[in-house]
Amino acid sequence: MYYSLVGRDIEHDTIPFMKNNNVGLTVWSPLAGGFLSGKYTRNNLNDPNNRLSGFDFLPHDKEWGFTILDKIREFAQDHGATPAQVSLAWLLAQTHVNSVLVGSSKASQLEDNLTAVELNLTSEEIEVLEKLTRPVPLYPNWFTTMTLDSQVVEALE
């Protein structure tokens, strides 16, 4: 399934189902079609010579995505890594992710992606990325959470 730092929609229903049934996740397009590789910027995103100017099939708010990339670049610099490696390392740190399918058009991209397995983000870095990219709860989930009786929840646990 498609899953990335800018595409966490499956956390609403699919991932809870998978966790409940001990099913692992194989991720495709972990870099959101290359967006999270770091090669796209606010200045070059609409350049007609880049891939995303004509083949942008994974919807997300680009300005929000660049805010995320700013933080990813910061962490990448701290680790001597690339934005792609940080993005992949976050995915690999998710307990529900069993496998990640990476794509590349150059051997150097493939090597960069594979090196992500050696990058260990700190728990603080993972939490920052979690909070920055957490999907907004959908109805009726937010309503159910808001109206739960804490004594009933406690009794059920």
Protein backbone atom coordinates (compact mmCIF):
# COMPACT_ATOMS: atom_id res chain seq x y z
CA MET A 1 0.00 0.00 0.00
CA TYR A 2 1.04 3.60 -0.50
CA TYR A 3 2.42 5.01 2.75
CA SER A 4 4.85 7.86 3.39
CA LEU A 5 5.42 10.84 5.64
CA VAL A 6 3.10 12.88 3.38
CA GLY A 7 0.64 10.02 2.85
CA ARG A 8 -0.45 8.48 6.13
CA ASP A 9 -4.15 8.09 5.27
CA ILE A 10 -4.08 4.33 5.82
CA GLU A 11 -3.55 4.98 9.53
CA HIS A 12 -7.27 5.79 9.84
CA ASP A 13 -8.53 2.25 9.27
CA THR A 14 -6.14 -0.02 7.39
CA ILE A 15 -3.21 -0.01 9.81
CA PRO A 16 -5.38 -0.55 12.92
CA PHE A 17 -6.97 -3.51 11.09
CA MET A 18 -3.55 -4.87 10.11
CA LYS A 19 -2.19 -4.51 13.65
CA ASN A 20 -5.27 -6.19 15.13
CA ASN A 21 -4.86 -9.14 12.77
CA ASN A 22 -1.04 -9.35 12.88
CA VAL A 23 -0.70 -8.49 9.21
CA GLY A 24 2.40 -6.69 8.02
CA LEU A 25 2.58 -3.87 5.52
CA THR A 26 4.58 -3.68 2.31
CA VAL A 27 4.94 -0.05 1.28
CA TRP A 28 5.13 1.24 -2.28
CA SER A 29 6.19 4.77 -3.22
CA PRO A 30 7.75 5.45 0.19
CA LEU A 31 9.19 8.72 -1.11
CA ALA A 32 5.84 9.95 -2.48
CA GLY A 33 6.83 9.69 -6.11
CA GLY A 34 10.22 11.26 -5.35
CA PHE A 35 8.85 14.27 -3.47
CA LEU A 36 10.54 13.17 -0.22
CA SER A 37 13.88 12.54 -1.93
CA GLY A 38 14.73 16.18 -1.38
CA LYS A 39 15.40 16.95 -5.04
CA TYR A 40 12.24 19.04 -5.34
CA THR A 41 12.04 22.49 -3.83
CA ARG A 42 9.51 25.27 -3.69
CA ASN A 43 11.43 26.90 -6.56
CA ASN A 44 11.74 23.94 -8.93
CA LEU A 45 8.53 21.99 -8.31
CA ASN A 46 6.78 23.47 -11.34
CA ASP A 47 9.78 23.19 -13.66
CA PRO A 48 8.44 21.42 -16.77
CA ASN A 49 11.61 19.31 -16.90
CA ASN A 50 11.01 17.52 -13.59
CA ARG A 51 8.91 14.43 -13.07
CA LEU A 52 6.39 15.89 -10.63
CA SER A 53 5.41 18.74 -12.94
CA GLY A 54 3.61 16.28 -15.20
CA PHE A 55 3.25 13.06 -13.19
CA ASP A 56 2.01 13.99 -9.75
CA PHE A 57 -0.53 11.29 -8.94
CA LEU A 58 -0.05 11.15 -5.15
CA PRO A 59 -2.12 14.00 -3.71
CA HIS A 60 -0.86 16.04 -0.80
CA ASP A 61 -0.57 19.71 0.08
CA LYS A 62 2.80 20.65 -1.39
CA GLU A 63 3.46 23.59 0.96
CA TRP A 64 2.78 21.31 3.94
CA GLY A 65 5.09 18.76 2.28
CA PHE A 66 7.87 21.34 2.00
CA THR A 67 7.47 22.19 5.69
CA ILE A 68 8.00 18.50 6.41
CA LEU A 69 10.97 18.40 4.05
CA ASP A 70 12.54 21.34 5.89
CA LYS A 71 12.53 19.26 9.09
CA ILE A 72 13.68 16.14 7.22
CA ARG A 73 16.61 18.09 5.75
CA GLU A 74 17.54 19.27 9.25
CA PHE A 75 17.59 15.69 10.55
CA ALA A 76 19.46 14.53 7.43
CA GLN A 77 22.17 17.12 8.04
CA ASP A 78 22.47 16.06 11.69
CA HIS A 79 23.02 12.44 10.60
CA GLY A 80 25.15 13.09 7.52
CA ALA A 81 22.33 11.51 5.52
CA THR A 82 19.98 12.45 2.71
CA PRO A 83 16.30 13.42 2.96
CA ALA A 84 15.41 10.15 1.21
CA GLN A 85 17.29 8.17 3.85
CA VAL A 86 15.53 9.99 6.70
CA SER A 87 12.12 9.44 5.07
CA LEU A 88 12.84 5.74 4.58
CA ALA A 89 14.33 5.36 8.07
CA TRP A 90 11.08 6.73 9.54
CA LEU A 91 9.11 4.11 7.62
CA LEU A 92 11.46 1.32 8.66
CA ALA A 93 11.03 2.37 12.30
CA GLN A 94 7.26 1.73 12.08
CA THR A 95 6.45 -1.64 13.67
CA HIS A 96 3.66 -2.30 11.18
CA VAL A 97 5.98 -1.92 8.15
CA ASN A 98 7.51 -5.22 7.04
CA SER A 99 8.93 -4.22 3.69
CA VAL A 100 9.50 -1.13 1.59
CA LEU A 101 9.58 -1.17 -2.22
CA VAL A 102 11.99 1.48 -3.47
CA GLY A 103 12.30 2.68 -7.02
CA SER A 104 15.17 4.45 -8.64
CA SER A 105 16.26 5.55 -12.08
CA LYS A 106 19.96 5.60 -11.21
CA ALA A 107 22.27 3.23 -9.36
CA SER A 108 23.24 6.07 -7.00
CA GLN A 109 19.58 6.52 -6.00
CA LEU A 110 19.24 2.82 -5.30
CA GLU A 111 22.42 2.84 -3.19
CA ASP A 112 21.19 5.92 -1.31
CA ASN A 113 17.83 4.25 -0.61
CA LEU A 114 19.38 0.98 0.53
CA THR A 115 21.71 2.81 2.92
CA ALA A 116 18.64 4.01 4.82
CA VAL A 117 18.59 0.68 6.70
CA GLU A 118 21.74 1.85 8.50
CA LEU A 119 20.17 5.11 9.70
CA ASN A 120 18.65 5.02 13.16
CA LEU A 121 16.59 8.08 13.95
CA THR A 122 16.33 9.02 17.61
CA SER A 123 13.01 8.53 19.37
CA GLU A 124 12.76 12.32 19.59
CA GLU A 125 13.23 12.70 15.82
CA ILE A 126 10.63 10.03 15.13
CA GLU A 127 8.19 11.76 17.48
CA VAL A 128 8.76 15.14 15.77
CA LEU A 129 8.03 13.57 12.37
CA GLU A 130 5.01 11.73 13.82
CA LYS A 131 3.50 14.94 15.19
CA LEU A 132 4.30 16.97 12.08
CA THR A 133 2.71 14.45 9.72
CA ARG A 134 -0.05 12.85 11.82
CA PRO A 135 -3.27 12.57 9.81
CA VAL A 136 -6.23 14.61 10.96
CA PRO A 137 -8.86 12.33 12.53
CA LEU A 138 -11.88 11.64 10.36
CA TYR A 139 -15.49 11.53 11.44
CA PRO A 140 -16.81 9.47 13.20
CA ASN A 141 -13.44 8.68 14.81
CA TRP A 142 -12.90 12.15 16.29
CA PHE A 143 -16.48 12.23 17.53
CA THR A 144 -16.22 8.81 19.14
CA THR A 145 -12.98 9.75 20.88
CA MET A 146 -14.44 13.05 22.05
CA THR A 147 -17.53 11.41 23.55
CA LEU A 148 -15.98 8.33 25.17
CA ASP A 149 -16.87 7.81 28.79
CA SER A 150 -13.50 7.50 30.54
CA GLN A 151 -14.90 5.15 33.19
CA VAL A 152 -16.23 2.79 30.53
CA VAL A 153 -12.92 2.87 28.67
CA GLU A 154 -11.05 2.16 31.89
CA ALA A 155 -13.38 -0.75 32.73
CA LEU A 156 -12.89 -2.27 29.27
CA GLU A 157 -9.13 -2.12 29.52
